[in-house]
């Protein structure tokens, strides 16, 4: 995630360096992957989203761990003071995925 964000120049094209900036980049990535969800909370310090549909939902849980590492790598470039946390994943049997971007 860090390498991808650096190569794309993502940190240079984002006006701020907050939770919403990182969440926007994660949303773009999810849309490209075919994941469908809804942002349920937006604030300067925190963004939360639920995913109701994911093409990876039947994969082993390790795929979500890789996605989390990717998002955390992106955060190091886009919003270093924030982190990405998965609170629920369909690959572990939850009915939806839920993640949060918040200040470290």
PDB file of N, CA and C in Angstrom:
ATOM      1  N   UNK A   1       0.806  -1.184   0.000  1.00  0.00           N
ATOM      2  CA  UNK A   1       0.000   0.000   0.000  1.00  0.00           C
ATOM      3  C   UNK A   1       0.855   1.257   0.000  1.00  0.00           C
ATOM      4  N   UNK A   2       1.914   1.254   0.811  1.00  0.00           N
ATOM      5  CA  UNK A   2       2.793   2.429   0.887  1.00  0.00           C
ATOM      6  C   UNK A   2       3.455   2.672  -0.460  1.00  0.00           C
ATOM      7  N   UNK A   3       3.996   1.613  -1.067  1.00  0.00           N
ATOM      8  CA  UNK A   3       4.652   1.758  -2.368  1.00  0.00           C
ATOM      9  C   UNK A   3       3.667   2.232  -3.430  1.00  0.00           C
ATOM     10  N   UNK A   4       2.476   1.652  -3.446  1.00  0.00           N
ATOM     11  CA  UNK A   4       1.460   2.046  -4.427  1.00  0.00           C
ATOM     12  C   UNK A   4       1.082   3.506  -4.266  1.00  0.00           C
ATOM     13  N   UNK A   5       0.883   3.934  -3.027  1.00  0.00           N
ATOM     14  CA  UNK A   5       0.513   5.328  -2.778  1.00  0.00           C
ATOM     15  C   UNK A   5       1.636   6.270  -3.195  1.00  0.00           C
ATOM     16  N   UNK A   6       2.884   5.891  -2.908  1.00  0.00           N
ATOM     17  CA  UNK A   6       4.017   6.737  -3.294  1.00  0.00           C
ATOM     18  C   UNK A   6       4.158   6.812  -4.810  1.00  0.00           C
ATOM     19  N   UNK A   7       4.024   5.665  -5.488  1.00  0.00           N
ATOM     20  CA  UNK A   7       4.175   5.639  -6.943  1.00  0.00           C
ATOM     21  C   UNK A   7       3.078   6.424  -7.641  1.00  0.00           C
ATOM     22  N   UNK A   8       1.871   6.399  -7.070  1.00  0.00           N
ATOM     23  CA  UNK A   8       0.757   7.116  -7.690  1.00  0.00           C
ATOM     24  C   UNK A   8       0.797   8.602  -7.377  1.00  0.00           C
ATOM     25  N   UNK A   9       1.646   8.977  -6.436  1.00  0.00           N
ATOM     26  CA  UNK A   9       1.690  10.377  -6.023  1.00  0.00           C
ATOM     27  C   UNK A   9       0.488  10.762  -5.191  1.00  0.00           C
ATOM     28  N   UNK A  10      -0.172   9.779  -4.583  1.00  0.00           N
ATOM     29  CA  UNK A  10      -1.418  10.020  -3.851  1.00  0.00           C
ATOM     30  C   UNK A  10      -1.275  11.101  -2.802  1.00  0.00           C
ATOM     31  N   UNK A  11      -0.219  11.076  -2.045  1.00  0.00           N
ATOM     32  CA  UNK A  11      -0.049  12.069  -0.995  1.00  0.00           C
ATOM     33  C   UNK A  11       0.057  13.488  -1.531  1.00  0.00           C
ATOM     34  N   UNK A  12       0.533  13.635  -2.765  1.00  0.00           N
ATOM     35  CA  UNK A  12       0.689  14.955  -3.371  1.00  0.00           C
ATOM     36  C   UNK A  12      -0.633  15.496  -3.891  1.00  0.00           C
ATOM     37  N   UNK A  13      -1.555  14.603  -4.247  1.00  0.00           N
ATOM     38  CA  UNK A  13      -2.814  15.022  -4.854  1.00  0.00           C
ATOM     39  C   UNK A  13      -3.943  15.189  -3.849  1.00  0.00           C
ATOM     40  N   UNK A  14      -3.703  14.870  -2.605  1.00  0.00           N
ATOM     41  CA  UNK A  14      -4.724  14.986  -1.574  1.00  0.00           C
ATOM     42  C   UNK A  14      -4.516  16.313  -0.870  1.00  0.00           C
ATOM     43  N   UNK A  15      -5.586  17.092  -0.757  1.00  0.00           N
ATOM     44  CA  UNK A  15      -5.451  18.436  -0.193  1.00  0.00           C
ATOM     45  C   UNK A  15      -5.141  18.433   1.294  1.00  0.00           C
ATOM     46  N   UNK A  16      -5.734  17.531   2.048  1.00  0.00           N
ATOM     47  CA  UNK A  16      -5.489  17.472   3.479  1.00  0.00           C
ATOM     48  C   UNK A  16      -4.740  16.197   3.811  1.00  0.00           C
ATOM     49  N   UNK A  17      -4.601  15.946   5.070  1.00  0.00           N
ATOM     50  CA  UNK A  17      -3.961  14.701   5.494  1.00  0.00           C
ATOM     51  C   UNK A  17      -4.728  14.116   6.671  1.00  0.00           C
ATOM     52  N   UNK A  18      -6.038  14.119   6.577  1.00  0.00           N
ATOM     53  CA  UNK A  18      -6.865  13.638   7.666  1.00  0.00           C
ATOM     54  C   UNK A  18      -7.567  12.333   7.353  1.00  0.00           C
ATOM     55  N   UNK A  19      -8.471  11.980   8.252  1.00  0.00           N
ATOM     56  CA  UNK A  19      -9.211  10.727   8.141  1.00  0.00           C
ATOM     57  C   UNK A  19     -10.012  10.652   6.848  1.00  0.00           C
ATOM     58  N   UNK A  20     -10.641  11.749   6.454  1.00  0.00           N
ATOM     59  CA  UNK A  20     -11.461  11.712   5.242  1.00  0.00           C
ATOM     60  C   UNK A  20     -10.615  11.530   3.988  1.00  0.00           C
ATOM     61  N   UNK A  21      -9.413  12.060   3.986  1.00  0.00           N
ATOM     62  CA  UNK A  21      -8.529  11.902   2.830  1.00  0.00           C
ATOM     63  C   UNK A  21      -8.112  10.441   2.658  1.00  0.00           C
ATOM     64  N   UNK A  22      -7.729   9.814   3.749  1.00  0.00           N
ATOM     65  CA  UNK A  22      -7.355   8.403   3.695  1.00  0.00           C
ATOM     66  C   UNK A  22      -8.559   7.547   3.340  1.00  0.00           C
ATOM     67  N   UNK A  23      -9.704   7.820   3.952  1.00  0.00           N
ATOM     68  CA  UNK A  23     -10.916   7.048   3.663  1.00  0.00           C
ATOM     69  C   UNK A  23     -11.311   7.173   2.194  1.00  0.00           C
ATOM     70  N   UNK A  24     -11.131   8.342   1.601  1.00  0.00           N
ATOM     71  CA  UNK A  24     -11.451   8.534   0.182  1.00  0.00           C
ATOM     72  C   UNK A  24     -10.598   7.638  -0.704  1.00  0.00           C
ATOM     73  N   UNK A  25      -9.320   7.529  -0.386  1.00  0.00           N
ATOM     74  CA  UNK A  25      -8.439   6.659  -1.169  1.00  0.00           C
ATOM     75  C   UNK A  25      -8.810   5.188  -0.981  1.00  0.00           C
ATOM     76  N   UNK A  26      -9.177   4.798   0.238  1.00  0.00           N
ATOM     77  CA  UNK A  26      -9.593   3.419   0.494  1.00  0.00           C
ATOM     78  C   UNK A  26     -10.890   3.133  -0.251  1.00  0.00           C
ATOM     79  N   UNK A  27     -11.828   4.084  -0.244  1.00  0.00           N
ATOM     80  CA  UNK A  27     -13.085   3.914  -0.980  1.00  0.00           C
ATOM     81  C   UNK A  27     -12.826   3.690  -2.462  1.00  0.00           C
ATOM     82  N   UNK A  28     -11.938   4.470  -3.035  1.00  0.00           N
ATOM     83  CA  UNK A  28     -11.601   4.325  -4.452  1.00  0.00           C
ATOM     84  C   UNK A  28     -11.060   2.926  -4.730  1.00  0.00           C
ATOM     85  N   UNK A  29     -10.163   2.469  -3.886  1.00  0.00           N
ATOM     86  CA  UNK A  29      -9.595   1.130  -4.018  1.00  0.00           C
ATOM     87  C   UNK A  29     -10.697   0.072  -3.933  1.00  0.00           C
ATOM     88  N   UNK A  30     -11.606   0.219  -2.959  1.00  0.00           N
ATOM     89  CA  UNK A  30     -12.691  -0.752  -2.790  1.00  0.00           C
ATOM     90  C   UNK A  30     -13.622  -0.777  -3.996  1.00  0.00           C
ATOM     91  N   UNK A  31     -13.934   0.385  -4.540  1.00  0.00           N
ATOM     92  CA  UNK A  31     -14.787   0.447  -5.728  1.00  0.00           C
ATOM     93  C   UNK A  31     -14.138  -0.283  -6.896  1.00  0.00           C
ATOM     94  N   UNK A  32     -12.846  -0.094  -7.064  1.00  0.00           N
ATOM     95  CA  UNK A  32     -12.128  -0.784  -8.137  1.00  0.00           C
ATOM     96  C   UNK A  32     -12.143  -2.294  -7.943  1.00  0.00           C
ATOM     97  N   UNK A  33     -12.200  -2.742  -6.687  1.00  0.00           N
ATOM     98  CA  UNK A  33     -12.232  -4.174  -6.371  1.00  0.00           C
ATOM     99  C   UNK A  33     -13.644  -4.757  -6.440  1.00  0.00           C
ATOM    100  N   UNK A  34     -14.663  -3.921  -6.604  1.00  0.00           N
ATOM    101  CA  UNK A  34     -16.042  -4.393  -6.672  1.00  0.00           C
ATOM    102  C   UNK A  34     -16.721  -4.527  -5.320  1.00  0.00           C
ATOM    103  N   UNK A  35     -16.167  -3.902  -4.296  1.00  0.00           N
ATOM    104  CA  UNK A  35     -16.769  -3.933  -2.960  1.00  0.00           C
ATOM    105  C   UNK A  35     -17.839  -2.848  -2.879  1.00  0.00           C
ATOM    106  N   UNK A  36     -18.947  -3.173  -2.187  1.00  0.00           N
ATOM    107  CA  UNK A  36     -20.046  -2.219  -2.085  1.00  0.00           C
ATOM    108  C   UNK A  36     -20.399  -1.981  -0.623  1.00  0.00           C
ATOM    109  N   UNK A  37     -20.487  -0.708  -0.256  1.00  0.00           N
ATOM    110  CA  UNK A  37     -20.788  -0.385   1.127  1.00  0.00           C
ATOM    111  C   UNK A  37     -21.262   1.038   1.291  1.00  0.00           C
ATOM    112  N   UNK A  38     -21.263   1.470   2.550  1.00  0.00           N
ATOM    113  CA  UNK A  38     -21.784   2.787   2.892  1.00  0.00           C
ATOM    114  C   UNK A  38     -20.964   3.382   4.036  1.00  0.00           C
ATOM    115  N   UNK A  39     -20.590   4.630   3.866  1.00  0.00           N
ATOM    116  CA  UNK A  39     -19.920   5.348   4.946  1.00  0.00           C
ATOM    117  C   UNK A  39     -20.986   5.673   5.988  1.00  0.00           C
ATOM    118  N   UNK A  40     -20.740   5.288   7.236  1.00  0.00           N
ATOM    119  CA  UNK A  40     -21.738   5.475   8.291  1.00  0.00           C
ATOM    120  C   UNK A  40     -21.358   6.560   9.294  1.00  0.00           C
ATOM    121  N   UNK A  41     -20.130   7.036   9.221  1.00  0.00           N
ATOM    122  CA  UNK A  41     -19.680   8.081  10.149  1.00  0.00           C
ATOM    123  C   UNK A  41     -18.573   8.885   9.487  1.00  0.00           C
ATOM    124  N   UNK A  42     -18.677  10.194   9.555  1.00  0.00           N
ATOM    125  CA  UNK A  42     -17.640  11.070   9.013  1.00  0.00           C
ATOM    126  C   UNK A  42     -17.397  12.202   9.998  1.00  0.00           C
ATOM    127  N   UNK A  43     -16.160  12.378  10.347  1.00  0.00           N
ATOM    128  CA  UNK A  43     -15.752  13.485  11.210  1.00  0.00           C
ATOM    129  C   UNK A  43     -14.294  13.781  10.925  1.00  0.00           C
ATOM    130  N   UNK A  44     -13.788  14.884  11.401  1.00  0.00           N
ATOM    131  CA  UNK A  44     -12.401  15.250  11.143  1.00  0.00           C
ATOM    132  C   UNK A  44     -11.394  14.247  11.666  1.00  0.00           C
ATOM    133  N   UNK A  45     -11.748  13.558  12.725  1.00  0.00           N
ATOM    134  CA  UNK A  45     -10.832  12.619  13.365  1.00  0.00           C
ATOM    135  C   UNK A  45     -11.162  11.159  13.083  1.00  0.00           C
ATOM    136  N   UNK A  46     -12.306  10.897  12.418  1.00  0.00           N
ATOM    137  CA  UNK A  46     -12.748   9.509  12.287  1.00  0.00           C
ATOM    138  C   UNK A  46     -13.700   9.357  11.103  1.00  0.00           C
ATOM    139  N   UNK A  47     -13.536   8.247  10.387  1.00  0.00           N
ATOM    140  CA  UNK A  47     -14.468   7.835   9.340  1.00  0.00           C
ATOM    141  C   UNK A  47     -14.717   6.350   9.531  1.00  0.00           C
ATOM    142  N   UNK A  48     -15.979   5.930   9.421  1.00  0.00           N
ATOM    143  CA  UNK A  48     -16.326   4.512   9.532  1.00  0.00           C
ATOM    144  C   UNK A  48     -17.167   4.111   8.329  1.00  0.00           C
ATOM    145  N   UNK A  49     -16.985   2.880   7.882  1.00  0.00           N
ATOM    146  CA  UNK A  49     -17.716   2.375   6.718  1.00  0.00           C
ATOM    147  C   UNK A  49     -18.076   0.918   6.936  1.00  0.00           C
ATOM    148  N   UNK A  50     -19.242   0.525   6.414  1.00  0.00           N
ATOM    149  CA  UNK A  50     -19.624  -0.881   6.391  1.00  0.00           C
ATOM    150  C   UNK A  50     -19.689  -1.321   4.936  1.00  0.00           C
ATOM    151  N   UNK A  51     -19.286  -2.555   4.693  1.00  0.00           N
ATOM    152  CA  UNK A  51     -19.373  -3.170   3.373  1.00  0.00           C
ATOM    153  C   UNK A  51     -20.375  -4.307   3.466  1.00  0.00           C
ATOM    154  N   UNK A  52     -21.375  -4.280   2.591  1.00  0.00           N
ATOM    155  CA  UNK A  52     -22.382  -5.325   2.586  1.00  0.00           C
ATOM    156  C   UNK A  52     -22.123  -6.380   1.512  1.00  0.00           C
ATOM    157  N   UNK A  53     -21.284  -6.034   0.549  1.00  0.00           N
ATOM    158  CA  UNK A  53     -20.999  -6.940  -0.556  1.00  0.00           C
ATOM    159  C   UNK A  53     -19.516  -6.857  -0.893  1.00  0.00           C
ATOM    160  N   UNK A  54     -18.882  -8.030  -0.985  1.00  0.00           N
ATOM    161  CA  UNK A  54     -17.455  -8.068  -1.282  1.00  0.00           C
ATOM    162  C   UNK A  54     -17.146  -9.338  -2.072  1.00  0.00           C
ATOM    163  N   UNK A  55     -16.459  -9.218  -3.197  1.00  0.00           N
ATOM    164  CA  UNK A  55     -16.114 -10.408  -3.974  1.00  0.00           C
ATOM    165  C   UNK A  55     -15.131 -11.332  -3.253  1.00  0.00           C
ATOM    166  N   UNK A  56     -14.536 -10.867  -2.174  1.00  0.00           N
ATOM    167  CA  UNK A  56     -13.572 -11.669  -1.421  1.00  0.00           C
ATOM    168  C   UNK A  56     -14.178 -12.301  -0.169  1.00  0.00           C
ATOM    169  N   UNK A  57     -15.481 -12.160   0.031  1.00  0.00           N
ATOM    170  CA  UNK A  57     -16.116 -12.585   1.286  1.00  0.00           C
ATOM    171  C   UNK A  57     -16.002 -14.079   1.568  1.00  0.00           C
ATOM    172  N   UNK A  58     -15.813 -14.891   0.556  1.00  0.00           N
ATOM    173  CA  UNK A  58     -15.687 -16.344   0.750  1.00  0.00           C
ATOM    174  C   UNK A  58     -14.229 -16.804   0.792  1.00  0.00           C
ATOM    175  N   UNK A  59     -13.325 -15.861   0.725  1.00  0.00           N
ATOM    176  CA  UNK A  59     -11.894 -16.182   0.762  1.00  0.00           C
ATOM    177  C   UNK A  59     -11.446 -16.439   2.199  1.00  0.00           C
ATOM    178  N   UNK A  60     -10.260 -17.008   2.372  1.00  0.00           N
ATOM    179  CA  UNK A  60      -9.712 -17.166   3.725  1.00  0.00           C
ATOM    180  C   UNK A  60      -9.526 -15.794   4.393  1.00  0.00           C
ATOM    181  N   UNK A  61      -9.626 -15.734   5.722  1.00  0.00           N
ATOM    182  CA  UNK A  61      -9.496 -14.459   6.444  1.00  0.00           C
ATOM    183  C   UNK A  61      -8.178 -13.731   6.190  1.00  0.00           C
ATOM    184  N   UNK A  62      -7.160 -14.463   5.802  1.00  0.00           N
ATOM    185  CA  UNK A  62      -5.860 -13.828   5.564  1.00  0.00           C
ATOM    186  C   UNK A  62      -5.928 -12.766   4.464  1.00  0.00           C
ATOM    187  N   UNK A  63      -6.881 -12.895   3.540  1.00  0.00           N
ATOM    188  CA  UNK A  63      -6.997 -11.893   2.476  1.00  0.00           C
ATOM    189  C   UNK A  63      -7.346 -10.530   3.075  1.00  0.00           C
ATOM    190  N   UNK A  64      -8.165 -10.538   4.127  1.00  0.00           N
ATOM    191  CA  UNK A  64      -8.520  -9.276   4.793  1.00  0.00           C
ATOM    192  C   UNK A  64      -7.334  -8.710   5.564  1.00  0.00           C
ATOM    193  N   UNK A  65      -6.504  -9.581   6.096  1.00  0.00           N
ATOM    194  CA  UNK A  65      -5.293  -9.107   6.772  1.00  0.00           C
ATOM    195  C   UNK A  65      -4.374  -8.410   5.773  1.00  0.00           C
ATOM    196  N   UNK A  66      -4.293  -8.957   4.567  1.00  0.00           N
ATOM    197  CA  UNK A  66      -3.487  -8.322   3.523  1.00  0.00           C
ATOM    198  C   UNK A  66      -4.068  -6.965   3.140  1.00  0.00           C
ATOM    199  N   UNK A  67      -5.395  -6.902   3.037  1.00  0.00           N
ATOM    200  CA  UNK A  67      -6.048  -5.641   2.697  1.00  0.00           C
ATOM    201  C   UNK A  67      -5.792  -4.595   3.792  1.00  0.00           C
ATOM    202  N   UNK A  68      -5.812  -5.039   5.050  1.00  0.00           N
ATOM    203  CA  UNK A  68      -5.557  -4.126   6.162  1.00  0.00           C
ATOM    204  C   UNK A  68      -4.119  -3.601   6.098  1.00  0.00           C
ATOM    205  N   UNK A  69      -3.177  -4.470   5.804  1.00  0.00           N
ATOM    206  CA  UNK A  69      -1.776  -4.041   5.655  1.00  0.00           C
ATOM    207  C   UNK A  69      -1.638  -3.041   4.517  1.00  0.00           C
ATOM    208  N   UNK A  70      -2.346  -3.292   3.417  1.00  0.00           N
ATOM    209  CA  UNK A  70      -2.312  -2.391   2.272  1.00  0.00           C
ATOM    210  C   UNK A  70      -2.829  -1.003   2.676  1.00  0.00           C
ATOM    211  N   UNK A  71      -3.978  -0.983   3.365  1.00  0.00           N
ATOM    212  CA  UNK A  71      -4.573   0.294   3.786  1.00  0.00           C
ATOM    213  C   UNK A  71      -3.672   1.020   4.782  1.00  0.00           C
ATOM    214  N   UNK A  72      -3.049   0.290   5.674  1.00  0.00           N
ATOM    215  CA  UNK A  72      -2.140   0.925   6.636  1.00  0.00           C
ATOM    216  C   UNK A  72      -0.902   1.480   5.940  1.00  0.00           C
ATOM    217  N   UNK A  73      -0.453   0.795   4.907  1.00  0.00           N
ATOM    218  CA  UNK A  73       0.655   1.319   4.119  1.00  0.00           C
ATOM    219  C   UNK A  73       0.275   2.615   3.424  1.00  0.00           C
ATOM    220  N   UNK A  74      -0.950   2.655   2.869  1.00  0.00           N
ATOM    221  CA  UNK A  74      -1.442   3.885   2.249  1.00  0.00           C
ATOM    222  C   UNK A  74      -1.475   5.017   3.268  1.00  0.00           C
ATOM    223  N   UNK A  75      -1.863   4.688   4.496  1.00  0.00           N
ATOM    224  CA  UNK A  75      -1.981   5.732   5.522  1.00  0.00           C
ATOM    225  C   UNK A  75      -0.634   6.382   5.817  1.00  0.00           C
ATOM    226  N   UNK A  76       0.442   5.632   5.700  1.00  0.00           N
ATOM    227  CA  UNK A  76       1.771   6.188   5.979  1.00  0.00           C
ATOM    228  C   UNK A  76       2.138   7.300   5.007  1.00  0.00           C
ATOM    229  N   UNK A  77       1.571   7.248   3.798  1.00  0.00           N
ATOM    230  CA  UNK A  77       1.846   8.260   2.782  1.00  0.00           C
ATOM    231  C   UNK A  77       0.796   9.366   2.810  1.00  0.00           C
ATOM    232  N   UNK A  78      -0.470   8.985   2.899  1.00  0.00           N
ATOM    233  CA  UNK A  78      -1.570   9.935   2.761  1.00  0.00           C
ATOM    234  C   UNK A  78      -1.866  10.680   4.058  1.00  0.00           C
ATOM    235  N   UNK A  79      -1.901   9.947   5.163  1.00  0.00           N
ATOM    236  CA  UNK A  79      -2.278  10.548   6.450  1.00  0.00           C
ATOM    237  C   UNK A  79      -1.522   9.849   7.574  1.00  0.00           C
ATOM    238  N   UNK A  80      -0.248  10.165   7.752  1.00  0.00           N
ATOM    239  CA  UNK A  80       0.595   9.439   8.706  1.00  0.00           C
ATOM    240  C   UNK A  80       0.122   9.465  10.158  1.00  0.00           C
ATOM    241  N   UNK A  81      -0.691  10.429  10.522  1.00  0.00           N
ATOM    242  CA  UNK A  81      -1.174  10.499  11.904  1.00  0.00           C
ATOM    243  C   UNK A  81      -2.426   9.652  12.135  1.00  0.00           C
ATOM    244  N   UNK A  82      -2.899   8.976  11.077  1.00  0.00           N
ATOM    245  CA  UNK A  82      -4.121   8.180  11.164  1.00  0.00           C
ATOM    246  C   UNK A  82      -3.817   6.720  10.868  1.00  0.00           C
ATOM    247  N   UNK A  83      -4.715   5.847  11.292  1.00  0.00           N
ATOM    248  CA  UNK A  83      -4.560   4.423  11.032  1.00  0.00           C
ATOM    249  C   UNK A  83      -5.880   3.827  10.569  1.00  0.00           C
ATOM    250  N   UNK A  84      -5.799   2.666   9.960  1.00  0.00           N
ATOM    251  CA  UNK A  84      -6.946   1.921   9.440  1.00  0.00           C
ATOM    252  C   UNK A  84      -7.138   0.693  10.317  1.00  0.00           C
ATOM    253  N   UNK A  85      -8.365   0.469  10.781  1.00  0.00           N
ATOM    254  CA  UNK A  85      -8.661  -0.679  11.643  1.00  0.00           C
ATOM    255  C   UNK A  85      -9.894  -1.403  11.120  1.00  0.00           C
ATOM    256  N   UNK A  86      -9.784  -2.709  10.942  1.00  0.00           N
ATOM    257  CA  UNK A  86     -10.942  -3.532  10.580  1.00  0.00           C
ATOM    258  C   UNK A  86     -11.606  -4.005  11.864  1.00  0.00           C
ATOM    259  N   UNK A  87     -12.879  -3.692  12.009  1.00  0.00           N
ATOM    260  CA  UNK A  87     -13.615  -4.113  13.201  1.00  0.00           C
ATOM    261  C   UNK A  87     -14.402  -5.397  12.967  1.00  0.00           C
ATOM    262  N   UNK A  88     -14.768  -5.676  11.722  1.00  0.00           N
ATOM    263  CA  UNK A  88     -15.519  -6.894  11.384  1.00  0.00           C
ATOM    264  C   UNK A  88     -15.198  -7.262   9.943  1.00  0.00           C
ATOM    265  N   UNK A  89     -15.188  -8.567   9.657  1.00  0.00           N
ATOM    266  CA  UNK A  89     -14.950  -9.028   8.285  1.00  0.00           C
ATOM    267  C   UNK A  89     -15.837 -10.223   7.972  1.00  0.00           C
ATOM    268  N   UNK A  90     -16.351 -10.243   6.757  1.00  0.00           N
ATOM    269  CA  UNK A  90     -17.179 -11.364   6.313  1.00  0.00           C
ATOM    270  C   UNK A  90     -16.361 -12.645   6.209  1.00  0.00           C
ATOM    271  N   UNK A  91     -15.076 -12.527   5.962  1.00  0.00           N
ATOM    272  CA  UNK A  91     -14.243 -13.729   5.854  1.00  0.00           C
ATOM    273  C   UNK A  91     -14.112 -14.455   7.184  1.00  0.00           C
ATOM    274  N   UNK A  92     -14.439 -13.772   8.264  1.00  0.00           N
ATOM    275  CA  UNK A  92     -14.420 -14.399   9.600  1.00  0.00           C
ATOM    276  C   UNK A  92     -15.829 -14.732  10.087  1.00  0.00           C
ATOM    277  N   UNK A  93     -16.814 -14.641   9.196  1.00  0.00           N
ATOM    278  CA  UNK A  93     -18.175 -15.015   9.552  1.00  0.00           C
ATOM    279  C   UNK A  93     -19.094 -13.872   9.942  1.00  0.00           C
ATOM    280  N   UNK A  94     -18.599 -12.641   9.968  1.00  0.00           N
ATOM    281  CA  UNK A  94     -19.469 -11.500  10.266  1.00  0.00           C
ATOM    282  C   UNK A  94     -20.408 -11.264   9.086  1.00  0.00           C
ATOM    283  N   UNK A  95     -21.569 -10.660   9.344  1.00  0.00           N
ATOM    284  CA  UNK A  95     -22.537 -10.430   8.269  1.00  0.00           C
ATOM    285  C   UNK A  95     -22.163  -9.253   7.382  1.00  0.00           C
ATOM    286  N   UNK A  96     -21.193  -8.469   7.795  1.00  0.00           N
ATOM    287  CA  UNK A  96     -20.690  -7.351   7.001  1.00  0.00           C
ATOM    288  C   UNK A  96     -19.257  -7.052   7.430  1.00  0.00           C
ATOM    289  N   UNK A  97     -18.573  -6.301   6.593  1.00  0.00           N
ATOM    290  CA  UNK A  97     -17.252  -5.809   6.979  1.00  0.00           C
ATOM    291  C   UNK A  97     -17.436  -4.391   7.513  1.00  0.00           C
ATOM    292  N   UNK A  98     -16.623  -4.032   8.463  1.00  0.00           N
ATOM    293  CA  UNK A  98     -16.685  -2.688   9.034  1.00  0.00           C
ATOM    294  C   UNK A  98     -15.259  -2.237   9.329  1.00  0.00           C
ATOM    295  N   UNK A  99     -14.938  -1.048   8.841  1.00  0.00           N
ATOM    296  CA  UNK A  99     -13.625  -0.498   9.134  1.00  0.00           C
ATOM    297  C   UNK A  99     -13.729   0.940   9.608  1.00  0.00           C
ATOM    298  N   UNK A 100     -12.656   1.377  10.256  1.00  0.00           N
ATOM    299  CA  UNK A 100     -12.580   2.729  10.800  1.00  0.00           C
ATOM    300  C   UNK A 100     -11.209   3.304  10.470  1.00  0.00           C
ATOM    301  N   UNK A 101     -11.190   4.552  10.089  1.00  0.00           N
ATOM    302  CA  UNK A 101      -9.956   5.326   9.996  1.00  0.00           C
ATOM    303  C   UNK A 101     -10.020   6.308  11.152  1.00  0.00           C
ATOM    304  N   UNK A 102      -8.985   6.318  11.980  1.00  0.00           N
ATOM    305  CA  UNK A 102      -8.971   7.218  13.137  1.00  0.00           C
ATOM    306  C   UNK A 102      -7.540   7.654  13.431  1.00  0.00           C
ATOM    307  N   UNK A 103      -7.447   8.691  14.228  1.00  0.00           N
ATOM    308  CA  UNK A 103      -6.130   9.188  14.640  1.00  0.00           C
ATOM    309  C   UNK A 103      -5.442   8.123  15.490  1.00  0.00           C
ATOM    310  N   UNK A 104      -4.128   7.988  15.305  1.00  0.00           N
ATOM    311  CA  UNK A 104      -3.350   6.998  16.075  1.00  0.00           C
ATOM    312  C   UNK A 104      -3.342   7.342  17.546  1.00  0.00           C
TER     313      UNK A 104
END
